[in-house]
Protein backbone atom coordinates (compact mmCIF):
# COMPACT_ATOMS: atom_id res chain seq x y z
CA MET A 1 -41.67 20.24 -17.88
CA ASN A 2 -43.01 23.36 -16.20
CA CYS A 3 -46.56 23.79 -17.52
CA PHE A 4 -48.94 26.74 -17.42
CA VAL A 5 -52.61 25.78 -17.76
CA THR A 6 -55.59 28.07 -18.12
CA GLY A 7 -59.08 26.72 -17.44
CA ALA A 8 -57.83 24.18 -14.91
CA SER A 9 -61.21 24.10 -13.16
CA GLY A 10 -63.00 23.20 -16.40
CA PHE A 11 -63.81 19.76 -17.77
CA ILE A 12 -60.91 19.39 -20.21
CA GLY A 13 -58.53 21.52 -18.15
CA SER A 14 -58.96 19.53 -14.92
CA ASN A 15 -58.41 16.25 -16.74
CA LEU A 16 -55.37 17.71 -18.49
CA VAL A 17 -53.87 18.78 -15.16
CA ARG A 18 -54.32 15.25 -13.81
CA GLU A 19 -52.60 13.80 -16.87
CA LEU A 20 -49.67 16.20 -16.63
CA LEU A 21 -49.18 15.43 -12.94
CA ALA A 22 -49.39 11.69 -13.60
CA ARG A 23 -46.54 12.07 -16.11
CA GLY A 24 -44.35 13.93 -13.62
CA HIS A 25 -44.77 17.46 -14.98
CA ARG A 26 -45.14 20.53 -12.75
CA VAL A 27 -48.31 22.55 -13.18
CA LYS A 28 -49.13 26.20 -12.56
CA ALA A 29 -52.87 26.71 -13.01
CA LEU A 30 -54.65 29.98 -13.73
CA LEU A 31 -58.05 30.01 -12.02
CA ARG A 32 -60.71 32.68 -12.34
CA PRO A 33 -61.83 34.41 -9.15
CA GLY A 34 -64.86 32.51 -7.90
CA SER A 35 -64.27 29.47 -10.11
CA SER A 36 -65.55 26.14 -8.80
CA PRO A 37 -62.88 24.39 -6.71
CA GLN A 38 -64.40 20.94 -7.22
CA ALA A 39 -62.74 19.92 -10.49
CA ALA A 40 -59.18 20.76 -9.35
CA ALA A 41 -59.63 19.87 -5.67
CA GLY A 42 -56.81 17.90 -4.08
CA LEU A 43 -54.37 18.38 -6.96
CA GLU A 44 -50.75 19.31 -6.20
CA ILE A 45 -50.54 22.37 -8.38
CA GLU A 46 -49.48 25.99 -8.01
CA ARG A 47 -52.67 28.05 -8.11
CA VAL A 48 -52.78 31.54 -9.58
CA THR A 49 -55.96 33.58 -9.33
CA GLY A 50 -56.50 35.93 -12.22
CA ASP A 51 -58.25 36.81 -15.45
CA LEU A 52 -57.39 36.39 -19.13
CA SER A 53 -57.62 40.16 -19.58
CA ASP A 54 -54.67 40.77 -17.23
CA ARG A 55 -51.77 40.81 -19.68
CA GLU A 56 -49.15 41.69 -17.04
CA LEU A 57 -50.19 38.79 -14.84
CA LEU A 58 -50.02 36.43 -17.81
CA LYS A 59 -46.53 37.62 -18.73
CA ARG A 60 -45.35 37.23 -15.16
CA GLU A 61 -46.85 33.79 -14.55
CA THR A 62 -45.84 32.19 -17.86
CA ALA A 63 -42.20 33.17 -17.28
CA GLY A 64 -40.14 30.05 -16.69
CA CYS A 65 -42.75 27.72 -18.19
CA ASP A 66 -41.84 25.29 -20.97
CA TRP A 67 -45.36 24.48 -22.14
CA CYS A 68 -48.53 26.57 -22.11
CA PHE A 69 -51.97 24.99 -22.46
CA HIS A 70 -54.81 27.44 -23.08
CA THR A 71 -58.00 25.48 -22.38
CA ALA A 72 -60.03 28.28 -20.77
CA ALA A 73 -63.11 29.48 -22.65
CA SER A 74 -66.55 30.91 -22.14
CA TYR A 75 -68.81 28.03 -23.23
CA HIS A 76 -72.44 29.11 -23.24
CA LEU A 77 -75.17 28.50 -25.79
CA TRP A 78 -77.35 31.27 -24.34
CA LEU A 79 -76.48 34.57 -22.69
CA ARG A 80 -78.28 37.87 -22.36
CA ASP A 81 -75.06 39.64 -23.34
CA TYR A 82 -72.52 37.86 -25.53
CA GLN A 83 -69.83 40.56 -25.49
CA PRO A 84 -68.01 39.09 -22.45
CA MET A 85 -67.84 35.76 -24.32
CA TYR A 86 -65.99 37.38 -27.22
CA ALA A 87 -63.69 39.22 -24.80
CA THR A 88 -62.77 35.94 -23.08
CA ASN A 89 -62.56 33.67 -26.10
CA VAL A 90 -60.96 36.00 -28.64
CA GLU A 91 -58.97 38.65 -26.78
CA GLY A 92 -58.20 36.26 -23.92
CA THR A 93 -56.66 33.86 -26.43
CA ARG A 94 -54.55 36.63 -27.92
CA ASN A 95 -53.37 37.68 -24.46
CA VAL A 96 -52.37 34.17 -23.37
CA ILE A 97 -50.54 33.22 -26.58
CA GLU A 98 -48.66 36.51 -26.83
CA ALA A 99 -47.66 36.34 -23.16
CA ALA A 100 -46.50 32.74 -23.48
CA GLY A 101 -44.57 33.61 -26.63
CA GLN A 102 -42.81 36.53 -24.95
CA ALA A 103 -42.02 34.31 -21.96
CA GLY A 104 -40.26 31.84 -24.24
CA CYS A 105 -42.62 28.87 -23.92
CA GLN A 106 -41.45 26.09 -26.23
CA ARG A 107 -44.97 24.89 -27.07
CA ILE A 108 -48.29 26.72 -26.82
CA ILE A 109 -51.30 24.43 -27.16
CA TYR A 110 -54.56 26.19 -27.94
CA THR A 111 -57.78 24.28 -27.25
CA SER A 112 -60.24 25.08 -30.02
CA THR A 113 -63.32 23.02 -30.97
CA VAL A 114 -64.54 20.94 -33.91
CA GLY A 115 -67.15 23.67 -34.30
CA CYS A 116 -64.39 25.54 -36.19
CA ILE A 117 -64.18 22.76 -38.79
CA GLY A 118 -66.58 22.64 -41.73
CA LEU A 119 -69.10 19.80 -41.87
CA THR A 120 -68.95 17.81 -45.09
CA GLN A 121 -71.86 17.34 -47.45
CA LEU A 122 -74.21 14.40 -47.23
CA VAL A 123 -72.97 11.30 -49.05
CA ASN A 124 -75.58 8.72 -50.13
CA GLY A 125 -78.01 10.00 -47.54
CA GLY A 126 -75.47 9.92 -44.69
CA ALA A 127 -73.00 12.38 -43.25
CA ALA A 128 -69.30 12.05 -44.05
CA ALA A 129 -66.69 12.60 -41.34
CA ALA A 130 -64.87 15.93 -41.74
CA ASP A 131 -61.13 16.35 -41.28
CA GLU A 132 -58.88 19.29 -40.35
CA TYR A 133 -58.80 20.65 -43.91
CA GLU A 134 -62.53 21.40 -44.15
CA LYS A 135 -63.03 25.16 -43.93
CA VAL A 136 -66.11 26.17 -42.00
CA PRO A 137 -68.51 28.35 -44.03
CA GLU A 138 -70.24 31.36 -42.51
CA THR A 139 -73.57 29.50 -42.71
CA GLN A 140 -72.29 26.92 -40.18
CA LEU A 141 -71.24 29.53 -37.61
CA THR A 142 -74.78 29.46 -36.26
CA ASN A 143 -74.22 30.83 -32.75
CA HIS A 144 -72.05 33.19 -30.76
CA TYR A 145 -70.02 30.42 -29.13
CA LYS A 146 -68.94 28.95 -32.46
CA ARG A 147 -68.27 32.40 -33.94
CA SER A 148 -66.18 33.48 -30.95
CA LYS A 149 -64.16 30.25 -31.00
CA TRP A 150 -63.65 30.55 -34.77
CA GLN A 151 -62.35 34.09 -34.32
CA ALA A 152 -60.10 32.87 -31.49
CA GLU A 153 -58.70 30.08 -33.66
CA GLU A 154 -57.97 32.64 -36.37
CA VAL A 155 -56.01 34.64 -33.80
CA ALA A 156 -54.05 31.52 -32.80
CA ALA A 157 -53.31 30.67 -36.45
CA GLN A 158 -52.19 34.24 -37.22
CA LEU A 159 -49.80 34.24 -34.25
CA ALA A 160 -48.45 30.87 -35.38
CA ARG A 161 -47.75 32.32 -38.81
CA LYS A 162 -45.82 35.12 -37.08
CA GLY A 163 -43.50 32.52 -35.59
CA LEU A 164 -44.98 31.68 -32.20
CA PRO A 165 -44.86 27.93 -31.36
CA VAL A 166 -48.63 27.40 -31.50
CA ILE A 167 -50.39 24.08 -32.04
CA ILE A 168 -54.18 23.92 -32.23
CA VAL A 169 -56.25 20.98 -30.98
CA ASN A 170 -59.94 20.57 -31.81
CA PRO A 171 -61.72 18.24 -29.37
CA SER A 172 -65.00 16.72 -30.55
CA ALA A 173 -67.51 15.75 -27.80
CA PRO A 174 -65.60 14.66 -24.68
CA ILE A 175 -67.26 12.66 -21.93
CA GLY A 176 -65.96 11.09 -18.75
CA PRO A 177 -65.18 12.01 -15.14
CA HIS A 178 -64.79 15.45 -13.53
CA ASP A 179 -67.49 17.15 -15.63
CA ALA A 180 -68.41 19.30 -12.67
CA LYS A 181 -70.69 21.93 -14.24
CA PRO A 182 -71.64 19.73 -16.30
CA THR A 183 -71.00 20.62 -19.95
CA PRO A 184 -73.87 20.47 -22.49
CA THR A 185 -72.73 16.98 -23.55
CA GLY A 186 -72.46 15.87 -19.95
CA ARG A 187 -75.94 17.29 -19.36
CA ILE A 188 -77.29 14.73 -21.84
CA ILE A 189 -76.03 11.94 -19.59
CA VAL A 190 -77.26 13.59 -16.39
CA ASP A 191 -80.72 14.18 -17.84
CA PHE A 192 -80.82 10.57 -19.07
CA LEU A 193 -79.89 9.28 -15.62
CA ASN A 194 -82.58 11.46 -14.04
CA ARG A 195 -85.14 10.33 -16.66
CA LYS A 196 -85.55 13.86 -18.02
CA LEU A 197 -85.11 12.92 -21.68
CA PRO A 198 -88.58 11.97 -22.92
CA ALA A 199 -87.56 12.40 -26.58
CA TYR A 200 -84.56 13.16 -28.78
CA LEU A 201 -83.46 15.00 -31.93
CA ASP A 202 -82.06 13.15 -34.93
CA THR A 203 -78.49 14.40 -34.70
CA GLY A 204 -75.01 12.94 -34.34
CA LEU A 205 -71.81 13.61 -32.44
CA ASN A 206 -68.27 12.27 -32.34
CA TRP A 207 -67.71 11.01 -28.80
CA ILE A 208 -64.28 10.68 -27.16
CA HIS A 209 -63.14 9.90 -23.64
CA VAL A 210 -62.02 13.11 -21.95
CA ARG A 211 -58.91 11.28 -20.74
CA ASP A 212 -57.91 10.74 -24.39
CA VAL A 213 -58.47 14.45 -25.03
CA ALA A 214 -56.16 15.27 -22.11
CA VAL A 215 -53.52 12.85 -23.41
CA GLY A 216 -53.95 14.38 -26.87
CA HIS A 217 -52.98 17.79 -25.49
CA VAL A 218 -49.79 16.37 -24.01
CA LEU A 219 -48.97 14.48 -27.21
CA ALA A 220 -49.51 17.68 -29.20
CA ALA A 221 -46.90 19.38 -27.01
CA GLU A 222 -44.51 16.46 -27.47
CA LYS A 223 -45.02 15.63 -31.14
CA GLY A 224 -47.32 18.17 -32.80
CA ARG A 225 -46.17 20.19 -35.79
CA LEU A 226 -46.12 23.93 -35.22
CA GLY A 227 -49.00 25.79 -36.84
CA GLU A 228 -51.03 22.60 -37.40
CA ARG A 229 -54.39 21.65 -35.95
CA TYR A 230 -55.47 18.21 -34.81
CA ILE A 231 -58.97 16.80 -34.30
CA LEU A 232 -59.09 15.02 -30.94
CA GLY A 233 -61.86 12.52 -31.57
CA HIS A 234 -62.53 8.80 -31.88
CA ALA A 235 -62.40 6.95 -35.20
CA GLN A 236 -65.42 4.85 -34.14
CA GLY A 237 -67.12 7.58 -32.16
CA ASN A 238 -69.46 8.99 -34.83
CA TRP A 239 -72.82 8.02 -33.35
CA THR A 240 -76.36 9.14 -33.96
CA MET A 241 -78.27 10.29 -30.91
CA ARG A 242 -80.33 7.12 -31.11
CA GLN A 243 -77.13 5.04 -30.91
CA THR A 244 -75.93 7.18 -28.01
CA LEU A 245 -79.09 6.69 -26.00
CA GLY A 246 -79.03 2.98 -26.82
CA ALA A 247 -75.52 2.73 -25.36
CA LEU A 248 -76.68 4.52 -22.21
CA GLU A 249 -79.57 2.09 -21.92
CA GLU A 250 -77.13 -0.86 -22.06
CA ILE A 251 -74.89 0.69 -19.42
CA THR A 252 -77.58 1.81 -16.98
CA GLY A 253 -80.61 -0.39 -17.62
CA ILE A 254 -82.71 2.77 -17.95
CA PRO A 255 -85.01 2.60 -21.01
CA ALA A 256 -83.94 4.98 -23.78
CA PRO A 257 -86.58 7.36 -25.16
CA LYS A 258 -88.21 6.14 -28.35
CA THR A 259 -89.82 9.39 -29.51
CA ARG A 260 -87.95 11.50 -32.05
CA ILE A 261 -88.80 15.20 -32.11
CA PRO A 262 -89.08 16.75 -35.60
CA TYR A 263 -86.53 19.50 -36.09
CA ARG A 264 -89.13 22.21 -36.79
CA VAL A 265 -90.99 21.37 -33.58
CA ALA A 266 -87.77 21.56 -31.56
CA LEU A 267 -86.90 24.88 -33.21
CA ALA A 268 -90.30 26.36 -32.36
CA MET A 269 -89.97 25.20 -28.76
CA ALA A 270 -86.51 26.76 -28.56
CA TYR A 271 -87.86 30.14 -29.69
CA VAL A 272 -90.47 29.99 -26.94
CA ASN A 273 -87.90 28.95 -24.33
CA GLU A 274 -85.56 31.78 -25.27
CA ALA A 275 -88.39 34.32 -25.13
CA ILE A 276 -89.10 33.19 -21.58
CA ALA A 277 -85.40 33.24 -20.71
CA SER A 278 -85.03 36.81 -21.97
CA VAL A 279 -87.55 37.86 -19.32
CA SER A 280 -86.63 35.52 -16.46
CA GLY A 281 -82.87 35.50 -16.97
CA VAL A 282 -82.85 31.72 -16.41
CA PRO A 283 -80.98 29.94 -19.25
CA PRO A 284 -83.30 27.78 -21.39
CA ARG A 285 -82.83 24.00 -21.23
CA ALA A 286 -83.05 23.82 -25.02
CA PRO A 287 -81.45 27.02 -26.44
CA LEU A 288 -81.72 27.93 -30.09
CA ALA A 289 -77.98 27.48 -30.54
CA GLY A 290 -78.16 23.87 -29.43
CA VAL A 291 -81.14 23.04 -31.63
CA ARG A 292 -79.57 24.67 -34.68
CA MET A 293 -76.32 22.74 -34.18
CA ALA A 294 -78.32 19.52 -33.85
CA LYS A 295 -79.67 19.98 -37.38
CA ASP A 296 -76.43 18.49 -38.75
CA LYS A 297 -74.58 15.34 -37.76
CA MET A 298 -71.30 16.61 -36.34
CA TRP A 299 -69.06 13.73 -37.38
CA PHE A 300 -65.28 13.99 -37.67
CA ASN A 301 -62.22 12.05 -38.76
CA PRO A 302 -59.34 12.06 -36.21
CA ALA A 303 -56.95 10.05 -38.44
CA LYS A 304 -54.32 12.81 -38.46
CA ALA A 305 -54.07 12.94 -34.65
CA ILE A 306 -53.99 9.13 -34.46
CA ARG A 307 -51.27 8.93 -37.10
CA GLU A 308 -49.05 11.85 -36.08
CA LEU A 309 -49.62 12.05 -32.32
CA GLY A 310 -50.60 8.52 -31.39
CA LEU A 311 -53.93 9.74 -29.98
CA PRO A 312 -55.39 6.94 -27.80
CA GLN A 313 -58.76 5.47 -28.74
CA THR A 314 -60.62 4.38 -25.62
CA PRO A 315 -63.94 2.81 -26.72
CA PRO A 316 -66.81 5.32 -26.45
CA GLN A 317 -68.81 2.75 -24.44
CA GLU A 318 -66.11 2.88 -21.77
CA ALA A 319 -66.18 6.68 -21.81
CA PHE A 320 -69.94 6.67 -21.22
CA ALA A 321 -69.60 4.08 -18.44
CA ASP A 322 -66.94 6.20 -16.72
CA ALA A 323 -69.11 9.32 -17.03
CA VAL A 324 -72.15 7.53 -15.63
CA ALA A 325 -70.14 6.19 -12.69
CA TRP A 326 -68.70 9.65 -11.91
CA PHE A 327 -72.05 11.45 -12.07
CA ARG A 328 -73.63 8.81 -9.85
CA ALA A 329 -70.77 8.93 -7.34
CA ASN A 330 -70.84 12.74 -7.10
CA GLY A 331 -74.50 13.37 -6.44
CA TYR A 332 -75.80 14.33 -9.88
CA VAL A 333 -78.44 11.60 -9.92
CA LYS A 334 -81.60 12.00 -7.85
CA ARG A 335 -82.40 8.89 -5.87
């Protein structure tokens, strides 16, 4: 297939491109001017430099493509000005999907996030795993990133209802190689390796190998039902942060932090950090958005994607081991 991929220099996008090439597909990648070349370096792809706001470029470059994968997004938990994030995530999504639809793409895969899925209520003192049918309430859209992605998913769903061949995928917390920036989840591993995690918050995430997320995108194009959304997660990947750090300790031999920070203390520290950031312009290490999201255990049920798509389930321990090896091999760990 001829594939058009946005966000090819990002974490999910670069792994997706590798998976498509490994399966014999041809890839045309849209790269932002000035984007990091590291993640997509050495890949045999057709590179197009441009922006999601350029509707004419998108129409021209998606012509002749069978599949379109829109993985590009502005992923920041703190910015001085959030308007560009909404322009990229919401209007950029509209531009890509409409262009791909007009170009006659057979499948348009939109990369959303599990942040657009409602978290279920506590059951017997623990968190239940949410599925695709849980609507997210306004009270859970606690930051601009989640709100912008929710609005973007609404755009994708509306265009699907108008007849465009859109399928939505909602990755949980991917980890693994080629996390060049790194992402906020990858930063947890880097900070652990550099012994910069003296304490932790009592939260939870659903971990999945980024390679499985990439495969899930391809499977969605091959088998996904139009207009549906699929959680790309791991059935055994719902871990508390304490479990996560324990797994990293087993893999690396580095002692995991034992101190748990109370939520209110972390929230107060985040307010202080953001006040400093508003003056200095340097993003805070612990932004309010991250702390607020950590209040809930973000656990999800990927049964639908496993059943309908055949989503692979690489053990989370292997995903962490691969991430650790990649960060160590690429200079992210101070010696």
